[in-house]
Amino acid sequence: MKLLDRIERHLKETHMSATRFGRRAVGDPRFVLDLRMGRRPRRRTLEKVEHYLQNHGPTRL
């Protein structure tokens, strides 16, 4: 699954806005919006996003 698809799924599952995700994951509120427009992130940025997704998944009961 592509990174943007995983982020979009995370946003839906957590009811989080794209700007909030970008700010929390990589310190850039435009990150997801830029990805949607074709931005290709650097490796370090990808690592930050992966870390965020692994550690901040939706709460499961």
PDB file of N, CA and C in Angstrom:
ATOM      1  N   MET A   1       0.850  -1.180   0.000  1.00  0.00           N
ATOM      2  CA  MET A   1       0.000   0.000   0.000  1.00  0.00           C
ATOM      3  C   MET A   1       0.895   1.243   0.000  1.00  0.00           C
ATOM      4  N   LYS A   2       0.546   2.212  -0.818  1.00  0.00           N
ATOM      5  CA  LYS A   2       1.338   3.430  -0.916  1.00  0.00           C
ATOM      6  C   LYS A   2       1.213   4.269   0.351  1.00  0.00           C
ATOM      7  N   LEU A   3       2.227   5.075   0.592  1.00  0.00           N
ATOM      8  CA  LEU A   3       2.273   5.913   1.789  1.00  0.00           C
ATOM      9  C   LEU A   3       1.036   6.794   1.888  1.00  0.00           C
ATOM     10  N   LEU A   4       0.678   7.470   0.827  1.00  0.00           N
ATOM     11  CA  LEU A   4      -0.476   8.368   0.885  1.00  0.00           C
ATOM     12  C   LEU A   4      -1.750   7.594   1.208  1.00  0.00           C
ATOM     13  N   ASP A   5      -1.894   6.411   0.663  1.00  0.00           N
ATOM     14  CA  ASP A   5      -3.067   5.587   0.972  1.00  0.00           C
ATOM     15  C   ASP A   5      -3.109   5.223   2.452  1.00  0.00           C
ATOM     16  N   ARG A   6      -1.948   4.887   3.001  1.00  0.00           N
ATOM     17  CA  ARG A   6      -1.884   4.552   4.429  1.00  0.00           C
ATOM     18  C   ARG A   6      -2.223   5.767   5.296  1.00  0.00           C
ATOM     19  N   ILE A   7      -1.731   6.926   4.887  1.00  0.00           N
ATOM     20  CA  ILE A   7      -2.027   8.148   5.642  1.00  0.00           C
ATOM     21  C   ILE A   7      -3.520   8.456   5.561  1.00  0.00           C
ATOM     22  N   GLU A   8      -4.088   8.360   4.370  1.00  0.00           N
ATOM     23  CA  GLU A   8      -5.519   8.646   4.204  1.00  0.00           C
ATOM     24  C   GLU A   8      -6.358   7.706   5.075  1.00  0.00           C
ATOM     25  N   ARG A   9      -5.968   6.437   5.112  1.00  0.00           N
ATOM     26  CA  ARG A   9      -6.680   5.485   5.960  1.00  0.00           C
ATOM     27  C   ARG A   9      -6.555   5.864   7.436  1.00  0.00           C
ATOM     28  N   HIS A  10      -5.366   6.251   7.837  1.00  0.00           N
ATOM     29  CA  HIS A  10      -5.137   6.684   9.219  1.00  0.00           C
ATOM     30  C   HIS A  10      -6.016   7.898   9.545  1.00  0.00           C
ATOM     31  N   LEU A  11      -6.077   8.844   8.633  1.00  0.00           N
ATOM     32  CA  LEU A  11      -6.896  10.036   8.853  1.00  0.00           C
ATOM     33  C   LEU A  11      -8.364   9.664   9.052  1.00  0.00           C
ATOM     34  N   LYS A  12      -8.836   8.758   8.228  1.00  0.00           N
ATOM     35  CA  LYS A  12     -10.230   8.324   8.325  1.00  0.00           C
ATOM     36  C   LYS A  12     -10.491   7.591   9.636  1.00  0.00           C
ATOM     37  N   GLU A  13      -9.594   6.675   9.989  1.00  0.00           N
ATOM     38  CA  GLU A  13      -9.784   5.869  11.198  1.00  0.00           C
ATOM     39  C   GLU A  13      -9.685   6.683  12.485  1.00  0.00           C
ATOM     40  N   THR A  14      -8.847   7.721  12.457  1.00  0.00           N
ATOM     41  CA  THR A  14      -8.636   8.524  13.668  1.00  0.00           C
ATOM     42  C   THR A  14      -9.431   9.826  13.662  1.00  0.00           C
ATOM     43  N   HIS A  15     -10.134  10.094  12.572  1.00  0.00           N
ATOM     44  CA  HIS A  15     -10.909  11.334  12.432  1.00  0.00           C
ATOM     45  C   HIS A  15     -10.014  12.561  12.620  1.00  0.00           C
ATOM     46  N   MET A  16      -8.824  12.494  12.046  1.00  0.00           N
ATOM     47  CA  MET A  16      -7.844  13.569  12.165  1.00  0.00           C
ATOM     48  C   MET A  16      -7.771  14.341  10.855  1.00  0.00           C
ATOM     49  N   SER A  17      -7.548  15.641  10.957  1.00  0.00           N
ATOM     50  CA  SER A  17      -7.399  16.439   9.747  1.00  0.00           C
ATOM     51  C   SER A  17      -6.013  16.229   9.154  1.00  0.00           C
ATOM     52  N   ALA A  18      -5.899  16.485   7.875  1.00  0.00           N
ATOM     53  CA  ALA A  18      -4.623  16.335   7.185  1.00  0.00           C
ATOM     54  C   ALA A  18      -3.581  17.291   7.762  1.00  0.00           C
ATOM     55  N   THR A  19      -3.985  18.500   8.087  1.00  0.00           N
ATOM     56  CA  THR A  19      -3.027  19.461   8.627  1.00  0.00           C
ATOM     57  C   THR A  19      -2.540  19.056  10.011  1.00  0.00           C
ATOM     58  N   ARG A  20      -3.419  18.532  10.826  1.00  0.00           N
ATOM     59  CA  ARG A  20      -3.003  18.079  12.152  1.00  0.00           C
ATOM     60  C   ARG A  20      -2.024  16.910  12.030  1.00  0.00           C
ATOM     61  N   PHE A  21      -2.328  15.959  11.137  1.00  0.00           N
ATOM     62  CA  PHE A  21      -1.416  14.830  10.941  1.00  0.00           C
ATOM     63  C   PHE A  21      -0.035  15.324  10.536  1.00  0.00           C
ATOM     64  N   GLY A  22       0.020  16.185   9.549  1.00  0.00           N
ATOM     65  CA  GLY A  22       1.312  16.697   9.077  1.00  0.00           C
ATOM     66  C   GLY A  22       2.090  17.398  10.172  1.00  0.00           C
ATOM     67  N   ARG A  23       1.382  18.191  10.956  1.00  0.00           N
ATOM     68  CA  ARG A  23       2.033  18.916  12.048  1.00  0.00           C
ATOM     69  C   ARG A  23       2.587  17.948  13.085  1.00  0.00           C
ATOM     70  N   ARG A  24       1.795  16.949  13.437  1.00  0.00           N
ATOM     71  CA  ARG A  24       2.218  15.993  14.472  1.00  0.00           C
ATOM     72  C   ARG A  24       3.294  15.037  13.968  1.00  0.00           C
ATOM     73  N   ALA A  25       3.155  14.561  12.756  1.00  0.00           N
ATOM     74  CA  ALA A  25       4.067  13.534  12.245  1.00  0.00           C
ATOM     75  C   ALA A  25       5.422  14.104  11.824  1.00  0.00           C
ATOM     76  N   VAL A  26       5.411  15.225  11.139  1.00  0.00           N
ATOM     77  CA  VAL A  26       6.670  15.749  10.588  1.00  0.00           C
ATOM     78  C   VAL A  26       6.876  17.240  10.821  1.00  0.00           C
ATOM     79  N   GLY A  27       5.973  17.877  11.539  1.00  0.00           N
ATOM     80  CA  GLY A  27       6.135  19.298  11.811  1.00  0.00           C
ATOM     81  C   GLY A  27       5.790  20.198  10.639  1.00  0.00           C
ATOM     82  N   ASP A  28       5.011  19.688   9.685  1.00  0.00           N
ATOM     83  CA  ASP A  28       4.653  20.444   8.489  1.00  0.00           C
ATOM     84  C   ASP A  28       3.158  20.295   8.228  1.00  0.00           C
ATOM     85  N   PRO A  29       2.379  21.333   8.536  1.00  0.00           N
ATOM     86  CA  PRO A  29       0.927  21.218   8.353  1.00  0.00           C
ATOM     87  C   PRO A  29       0.494  21.022   6.899  1.00  0.00           C
ATOM     88  N   ARG A  30       1.342  21.328   5.944  1.00  0.00           N
ATOM     89  CA  ARG A  30       0.992  21.153   4.532  1.00  0.00           C
ATOM     90  C   ARG A  30       1.446  19.809   3.971  1.00  0.00           C
ATOM     91  N   PHE A  31       2.049  18.973   4.801  1.00  0.00           N
ATOM     92  CA  PHE A  31       2.648  17.726   4.321  1.00  0.00           C
ATOM     93  C   PHE A  31       1.680  16.865   3.519  1.00  0.00           C
ATOM     94  N   VAL A  32       0.516  16.547   4.067  1.00  0.00           N
ATOM     95  CA  VAL A  32      -0.437  15.665   3.373  1.00  0.00           C
ATOM     96  C   VAL A  32      -0.988  16.361   2.135  1.00  0.00           C
ATOM     97  N   LEU A  33      -1.271  17.631   2.254  1.00  0.00           N
ATOM     98  CA  LEU A  33      -1.777  18.367   1.093  1.00  0.00           C
ATOM     99  C   LEU A  33      -0.757  18.354  -0.038  1.00  0.00           C
ATOM    100  N   ASP A  34       0.523  18.523   0.314  1.00  0.00           N
ATOM    101  CA  ASP A  34       1.577  18.475  -0.699  1.00  0.00           C
ATOM    102  C   ASP A  34       1.731  17.076  -1.284  1.00  0.00           C
ATOM    103  N   LEU A  35       1.598  16.030  -0.447  1.00  0.00           N
ATOM    104  CA  LEU A  35       1.647  14.659  -0.973  1.00  0.00           C
ATOM    105  C   LEU A  35       0.541  14.439  -1.994  1.00  0.00           C
ATOM    106  N   ARG A  36      -0.631  14.957  -1.687  1.00  0.00           N
ATOM    107  CA  ARG A  36      -1.766  14.815  -2.609  1.00  0.00           C
ATOM    108  C   ARG A  36      -1.489  15.505  -3.942  1.00  0.00           C
ATOM    109  N   MET A  37      -0.616  16.515  -3.909  1.00  0.00           N
ATOM    110  CA  MET A  37      -0.269  17.251  -5.128  1.00  0.00           C
ATOM    111  C   MET A  37       0.988  16.700  -5.806  1.00  0.00           C
ATOM    112  N   GLY A  38       1.515  15.581  -5.291  1.00  0.00           N
ATOM    113  CA  GLY A  38       2.637  14.932  -5.951  1.00  0.00           C
ATOM    114  C   GLY A  38       3.981  15.060  -5.256  1.00  0.00           C
ATOM    115  N   ARG A  39       4.028  15.664  -4.082  1.00  0.00           N
ATOM    116  CA  ARG A  39       5.296  15.792  -3.351  1.00  0.00           C
ATOM    117  C   ARG A  39       5.896  14.418  -3.082  1.00  0.00           C
ATOM    118  N   ARG A  40       7.214  14.329  -3.220  1.00  0.00           N
ATOM    119  CA  ARG A  40       7.942  13.094  -2.921  1.00  0.00           C
ATOM    120  C   ARG A  40       8.843  13.378  -1.727  1.00  0.00           C
ATOM    121  N   PRO A  41       8.500  12.844  -0.564  1.00  0.00           N
ATOM    122  CA  PRO A  41       9.271  13.150   0.634  1.00  0.00           C
ATOM    123  C   PRO A  41      10.643  12.472   0.658  1.00  0.00           C
ATOM    124  N   ARG A  42      11.536  13.082   1.422  1.00  0.00           N
ATOM    125  CA  ARG A  42      12.872  12.518   1.620  1.00  0.00           C
ATOM    126  C   ARG A  42      12.793  11.303   2.537  1.00  0.00           C
ATOM    127  N   ARG A  43      13.876  10.552   2.549  1.00  0.00           N
ATOM    128  CA  ARG A  43      13.912   9.324   3.345  1.00  0.00           C
ATOM    129  C   ARG A  43      13.687   9.611   4.827  1.00  0.00           C
ATOM    130  N   ARG A  44      14.321  10.637   5.379  1.00  0.00           N
ATOM    131  CA  ARG A  44      14.162  10.953   6.805  1.00  0.00           C
ATOM    132  C   ARG A  44      12.707  11.295   7.117  1.00  0.00           C
ATOM    133  N   THR A  45      12.053  12.004   6.222  1.00  0.00           N
ATOM    134  CA  THR A  45      10.644  12.338   6.408  1.00  0.00           C
ATOM    135  C   THR A  45       9.792  11.084   6.378  1.00  0.00           C
ATOM    136  N   LEU A  46      10.097  10.170   5.456  1.00  0.00           N
ATOM    137  CA  LEU A  46       9.382   8.897   5.392  1.00  0.00           C
ATOM    138  C   LEU A  46       9.538   8.124   6.700  1.00  0.00           C
ATOM    139  N   GLU A  47      10.741   8.147   7.252  1.00  0.00           N
ATOM    140  CA  GLU A  47      10.986   7.456   8.515  1.00  0.00           C
ATOM    141  C   GLU A  47      10.146   8.052   9.644  1.00  0.00           C
ATOM    142  N   LYS A  48      10.034   9.374   9.664  1.00  0.00           N
ATOM    143  CA  LYS A  48       9.215  10.033  10.687  1.00  0.00           C
ATOM    144  C   LYS A  48       7.751   9.639  10.546  1.00  0.00           C
ATOM    145  N   VAL A  49       7.265   9.605   9.313  1.00  0.00           N
ATOM    146  CA  VAL A  49       5.865   9.240   9.069  1.00  0.00           C
ATOM    147  C   VAL A  49       5.626   7.794   9.480  1.00  0.00           C
ATOM    148  N   GLU A  50       6.522   6.903   9.103  1.00  0.00           N
ATOM    149  CA  GLU A  50       6.387   5.490   9.471  1.00  0.00           C
ATOM    150  C   GLU A  50       6.357   5.334  10.994  1.00  0.00           C
ATOM    151  N   HIS A  51       7.233   6.030  11.664  1.00  0.00           N
ATOM    152  CA  HIS A  51       7.279   5.972  13.126  1.00  0.00           C
ATOM    153  C   HIS A  51       5.958   6.459  13.715  1.00  0.00           C
ATOM    154  N   TYR A  52       5.462   7.556  13.190  1.00  0.00           N
ATOM    155  CA  TYR A  52       4.202   8.110  13.689  1.00  0.00           C
ATOM    156  C   TYR A  52       3.053   7.121  13.476  1.00  0.00           C
ATOM    157  N   LEU A  53       2.957   6.560  12.282  1.00  0.00           N
ATOM    158  CA  LEU A  53       1.872   5.630  11.979  1.00  0.00           C
ATOM    159  C   LEU A  53       1.923   4.387  12.869  1.00  0.00           C
ATOM    160  N   GLN A  54       3.119   3.911  13.153  1.00  0.00           N
ATOM    161  CA  GLN A  54       3.270   2.721  13.988  1.00  0.00           C
ATOM    162  C   GLN A  54       2.910   2.988  15.448  1.00  0.00           C
ATOM    163  N   ASN A  55       3.147   4.199  15.903  1.00  0.00           N
ATOM    164  CA  ASN A  55       2.960   4.508  17.319  1.00  0.00           C
ATOM    165  C   ASN A  55       1.700   5.299  17.656  1.00  0.00           C
ATOM    166  N   HIS A  56       0.943   5.699  16.654  1.00  0.00           N
ATOM    167  CA  HIS A  56      -0.244   6.513  16.904  1.00  0.00           C
ATOM    168  C   HIS A  56      -1.451   6.022  16.123  1.00  0.00           C
ATOM    169  N   GLY A  57      -1.645   4.727  16.122  1.00  0.00           N
ATOM    170  CA  GLY A  57      -2.786   4.140  15.428  1.00  0.00           C
ATOM    171  C   GLY A  57      -4.071   4.423  16.174  1.00  0.00           C
ATOM    172  N   PRO A  58      -5.191   4.116  15.560  1.00  0.00           N
ATOM    173  CA  PRO A  58      -6.479   4.323  16.224  1.00  0.00           C
ATOM    174  C   PRO A  58      -6.603   3.448  17.466  1.00  0.00           C
ATOM    175  N   THR A  59      -7.267   3.941  18.438  1.00  0.00           N
ATOM    176  CA  THR A  59      -7.490   3.185  19.670  1.00  0.00           C
ATOM    177  C   THR A  59      -8.499   2.088  19.393  1.00  0.00           C
ATOM    178  N   ARG A  60      -8.133   0.896  19.754  1.00  0.00           N
ATOM    179  CA  ARG A  60      -9.033  -0.234  19.545  1.00  0.00           C
ATOM    180  C   ARG A  60      -9.534  -0.712  20.909  1.00  0.00           C
ATOM    181  N   LEU A  61     -10.817  -0.958  21.006  1.00  0.00           N
ATOM    182  CA  LEU A  61     -11.407  -1.423  22.283  1.00  0.00           C
ATOM    183  C   LEU A  61     -11.580  -2.922  22.254  1.00  0.00           C
TER     184      LEU A  61
END
